[in-house]
Amino acid sequence: MGARVARMFRNFNLENRVHREISKQKPIAAPRHAVSSPPPAGGSSEAVETVESVNQKNDPLLGLLKSVYVESTDPAAAAAEASKEVTVSKDAARRPLKYSLPGDPYGLVELTDVPKGKLTITEALKATSSYQREPQTWTPEKIAQEYSLDLKDTKALLEFFIPFQVQIIPPKTEKAKQIKAS
């Protein structure tokens, strides 16, 4: 029933509303930009001379163009040779791994060698712990030589690299829940 009432109001006086909209004055379009007319075909002598000079054959320039010889090489072949040189130099700058975690940690492939100037986490932990235990034996110079590092990087490693420390804070009250080992 509601749709029938809505349709009656929608169609009420429809013809008068349509005529009113149609009779309204339409908006006027913006004026077009003035177009300059092309130069006449038989008009100025300068235009005719320019067209002739463009279309005329110039023998000296044509001879120079024929003497040009271009020789090109494939850039992909040059890039492949450069990448081979880079891989050879990278292979030479690698050192065998000193220490590693036992087993196959986290399901990752075990490393066998490391680039010079880089350390694994295990080697960094081993180097810092040996320096903390025996600083007279394991000097920064010796650690740098042992792991193929720069002396500046080794000193920064020993100064700023701090391994994680796990601290268990006891609860303040006895009523707090305790985590029991299973």
Protein backbone atom coordinates (compact mmCIF):
# COMPACT_ATOMS: atom_id res chain seq x y z
CA MET A 1 0.00 0.00 0.00
CA GLY A 2 2.87 2.38 0.79
CA ALA A 3 4.37 1.99 -2.69
CA ARG A 4 1.06 2.93 -4.25
CA VAL A 5 0.88 6.17 -2.22
CA ALA A 6 4.53 7.02 -3.01
CA ARG A 7 3.86 6.48 -6.73
CA MET A 8 0.84 8.81 -6.58
CA PHE A 9 2.92 11.63 -5.05
CA ARG A 10 5.76 11.02 -7.51
CA ASN A 11 3.45 11.19 -10.54
CA PHE A 12 1.35 14.09 -9.23
CA ASN A 13 1.47 17.10 -11.57
CA LEU A 14 4.22 15.41 -13.60
CA GLU A 15 3.39 17.08 -16.92
CA ASN A 16 3.49 20.59 -15.47
CA ARG A 17 6.84 19.95 -13.79
CA VAL A 18 8.32 18.58 -17.05
CA HIS A 19 7.11 21.59 -19.08
CA ARG A 20 8.54 23.96 -16.47
CA GLU A 21 12.01 22.29 -16.70
CA ILE A 22 11.97 22.25 -20.51
CA SER A 23 10.97 25.91 -20.76
CA LYS A 24 13.81 27.08 -18.50
CA GLN A 25 16.57 28.92 -20.29
CA LYS A 26 19.58 26.72 -20.91
CA PRO A 27 23.09 27.84 -19.84
CA ILE A 28 25.13 29.45 -22.59
CA ALA A 29 28.35 27.72 -23.62
CA ALA A 30 31.64 29.58 -23.21
CA PRO A 31 32.90 31.33 -26.35
CA ARG A 32 35.42 29.48 -28.45
CA HIS A 33 39.04 30.61 -28.66
CA ALA A 34 39.79 32.65 -31.75
CA VAL A 35 41.73 30.60 -34.31
CA SER A 36 44.25 32.28 -36.56
CA SER A 37 43.78 31.30 -40.15
CA PRO A 38 46.62 29.44 -41.90
CA PRO A 39 48.77 31.52 -44.29
CA PRO A 40 47.43 31.60 -47.81
CA ALA A 41 49.06 29.20 -50.31
CA GLY A 42 50.20 31.87 -52.71
CA GLY A 43 50.66 34.49 -49.96
CA SER A 44 53.98 35.69 -48.55
CA SER A 45 57.26 34.99 -50.27
CA GLU A 46 59.02 34.11 -46.99
CA ALA A 47 56.66 31.21 -46.34
CA VAL A 48 57.17 29.88 -49.84
CA GLU A 49 60.99 30.10 -49.52
CA THR A 50 60.93 28.30 -46.18
CA VAL A 51 58.85 25.45 -47.57
CA GLU A 52 61.20 25.12 -50.56
CA SER A 53 64.36 25.09 -48.41
CA VAL A 54 62.92 22.40 -46.18
CA ASN A 55 61.94 20.18 -49.09
CA GLN A 56 65.18 20.77 -51.06
CA LYS A 57 67.86 18.07 -51.04
CA ASN A 58 71.15 19.19 -49.42
CA ASP A 59 74.02 17.18 -50.96
CA PRO A 60 76.82 18.15 -48.49
CA LEU A 61 74.71 17.13 -45.50
CA LEU A 62 73.64 13.94 -47.23
CA GLY A 63 77.32 13.04 -47.86
CA LEU A 64 78.20 13.66 -44.20
CA LEU A 65 75.28 11.48 -43.12
CA LYS A 66 76.46 8.62 -45.36
CA SER A 67 79.98 8.82 -43.88
CA VAL A 68 78.71 8.18 -40.34
CA TYR A 69 79.34 4.60 -39.17
CA VAL A 70 77.85 3.34 -35.90
CA GLU A 71 79.17 0.24 -34.17
CA SER A 72 77.27 -1.03 -31.12
CA THR A 73 77.63 -3.90 -28.68
CA ASP A 74 75.02 -5.76 -26.69
CA PRO A 75 74.77 -4.19 -23.20
CA ALA A 76 73.59 -7.50 -21.71
CA ALA A 77 76.91 -9.18 -22.60
CA ALA A 78 78.91 -6.35 -21.03
CA ALA A 79 76.79 -6.53 -17.87
CA ALA A 80 77.30 -10.31 -17.64
CA GLU A 81 81.09 -9.88 -17.83
CA ALA A 82 81.00 -7.21 -15.12
CA SER A 83 78.89 -9.41 -12.84
CA LYS A 84 81.34 -12.31 -13.28
CA GLU A 85 84.18 -10.03 -12.14
CA VAL A 86 82.15 -8.92 -9.11
CA THR A 87 81.35 -12.51 -8.08
CA VAL A 88 85.01 -13.51 -8.37
CA SER A 89 86.07 -10.62 -6.13
CA LYS A 90 83.29 -11.44 -3.63
CA ASP A 91 84.34 -15.09 -3.43
CA ALA A 92 87.90 -14.04 -2.63
CA ALA A 93 86.65 -11.78 0.19
CA ARG A 94 85.01 -14.54 2.24
CA ARG A 95 86.31 -16.37 5.28
CA PRO A 96 85.29 -19.69 6.82
CA LEU A 97 82.87 -19.67 9.74
CA LYS A 98 84.58 -19.83 13.16
CA TYR A 99 81.66 -20.76 15.43
CA SER A 100 78.09 -21.83 14.82
CA LEU A 101 75.11 -23.03 16.80
CA PRO A 102 74.83 -26.79 17.32
CA GLY A 103 72.30 -28.59 15.16
CA ASP A 104 70.04 -26.98 12.60
CA PRO A 105 68.62 -23.88 14.39
CA TYR A 106 65.22 -22.64 13.27
CA GLY A 107 65.28 -24.90 10.22
CA LEU A 108 67.70 -22.59 8.39
CA VAL A 109 70.51 -23.69 6.14
CA GLU A 110 73.80 -23.75 8.02
CA LEU A 111 76.32 -21.16 6.84
CA THR A 112 79.77 -22.34 5.85
CA ASP A 113 81.48 -19.02 5.12
CA VAL A 114 80.98 -15.33 5.88
CA PRO A 115 82.11 -12.21 3.97
CA LYS A 116 85.16 -10.53 5.40
CA GLY A 117 84.23 -7.61 7.64
CA LYS A 118 80.99 -9.31 8.77
CA LEU A 119 80.08 -11.50 11.75
CA THR A 120 77.30 -13.91 12.55
CA ILE A 121 75.38 -13.46 15.81
CA THR A 122 77.10 -16.51 17.27
CA GLU A 123 80.56 -15.16 16.43
CA ALA A 124 79.69 -11.72 17.83
CA LEU A 125 78.51 -13.28 21.09
CA LYS A 126 81.64 -15.45 21.27
CA ALA A 127 83.93 -12.46 20.60
CA THR A 128 82.28 -10.22 23.20
CA SER A 129 82.21 -12.95 25.85
CA SER A 130 85.86 -13.85 25.32
CA TYR A 131 86.80 -10.14 25.53
CA GLN A 132 84.81 -9.76 28.78
CA ARG A 133 86.40 -12.86 30.34
CA GLU A 134 90.00 -12.23 29.26
CA PRO A 135 90.55 -8.64 28.05
CA GLN A 136 94.37 -8.99 28.20
CA THR A 137 94.37 -12.04 25.94
CA TRP A 138 91.53 -11.04 23.61
CA THR A 139 92.43 -7.47 22.70
CA PRO A 140 90.44 -5.61 20.03
CA GLU A 141 93.41 -6.02 17.66
CA LYS A 142 93.43 -9.80 18.11
CA ILE A 143 89.64 -10.04 17.65
CA ALA A 144 89.88 -7.90 14.49
CA GLN A 145 92.60 -10.19 13.11
CA GLU A 146 90.76 -13.37 14.12
CA TYR A 147 87.45 -12.41 12.44
CA SER A 148 88.85 -10.32 9.51
CA LEU A 149 87.29 -7.08 10.78
CA ASP A 150 88.39 -3.44 10.76
CA LEU A 151 89.86 -2.25 14.06
CA LYS A 152 87.34 0.61 14.22
CA ASP A 153 84.41 -1.81 13.75
CA THR A 154 85.83 -4.18 16.37
CA LYS A 155 86.14 -1.41 18.96
CA ALA A 156 82.56 -0.31 18.19
CA LEU A 157 81.39 -3.94 18.55
CA LEU A 158 83.02 -4.34 21.94
CA GLU A 159 81.72 -0.98 23.15
CA PHE A 160 78.15 -0.96 21.86
CA PHE A 161 77.12 -4.62 21.29
CA ILE A 162 75.36 -5.82 24.43
CA PRO A 163 73.93 -9.35 24.43
CA PHE A 164 70.46 -9.93 25.76
CA GLN A 165 70.11 -10.44 29.50
CA VAL A 166 67.09 -12.25 30.92
CA GLN A 167 66.06 -10.98 34.33
CA ILE A 168 63.24 -12.48 36.35
CA ILE A 169 61.72 -9.93 38.72
CA PRO A 170 60.18 -11.51 41.81
CA PRO A 171 56.61 -10.46 42.67
CA LYS A 172 56.16 -7.83 45.40
CA THR A 173 53.45 -9.75 47.24
CA GLU A 174 53.27 -13.37 48.15
CA LYS A 175 49.69 -13.59 46.84
CA ALA A 176 50.79 -12.96 43.25
CA LYS A 177 50.50 -15.93 40.92
CA GLN A 178 53.71 -17.84 40.35
CA ILE A 179 54.57 -19.43 37.01
CA LYS A 180 55.43 -23.04 37.59
CA ALA A 181 57.86 -24.93 35.39
CA SER A 182 56.26 -27.94 33.70
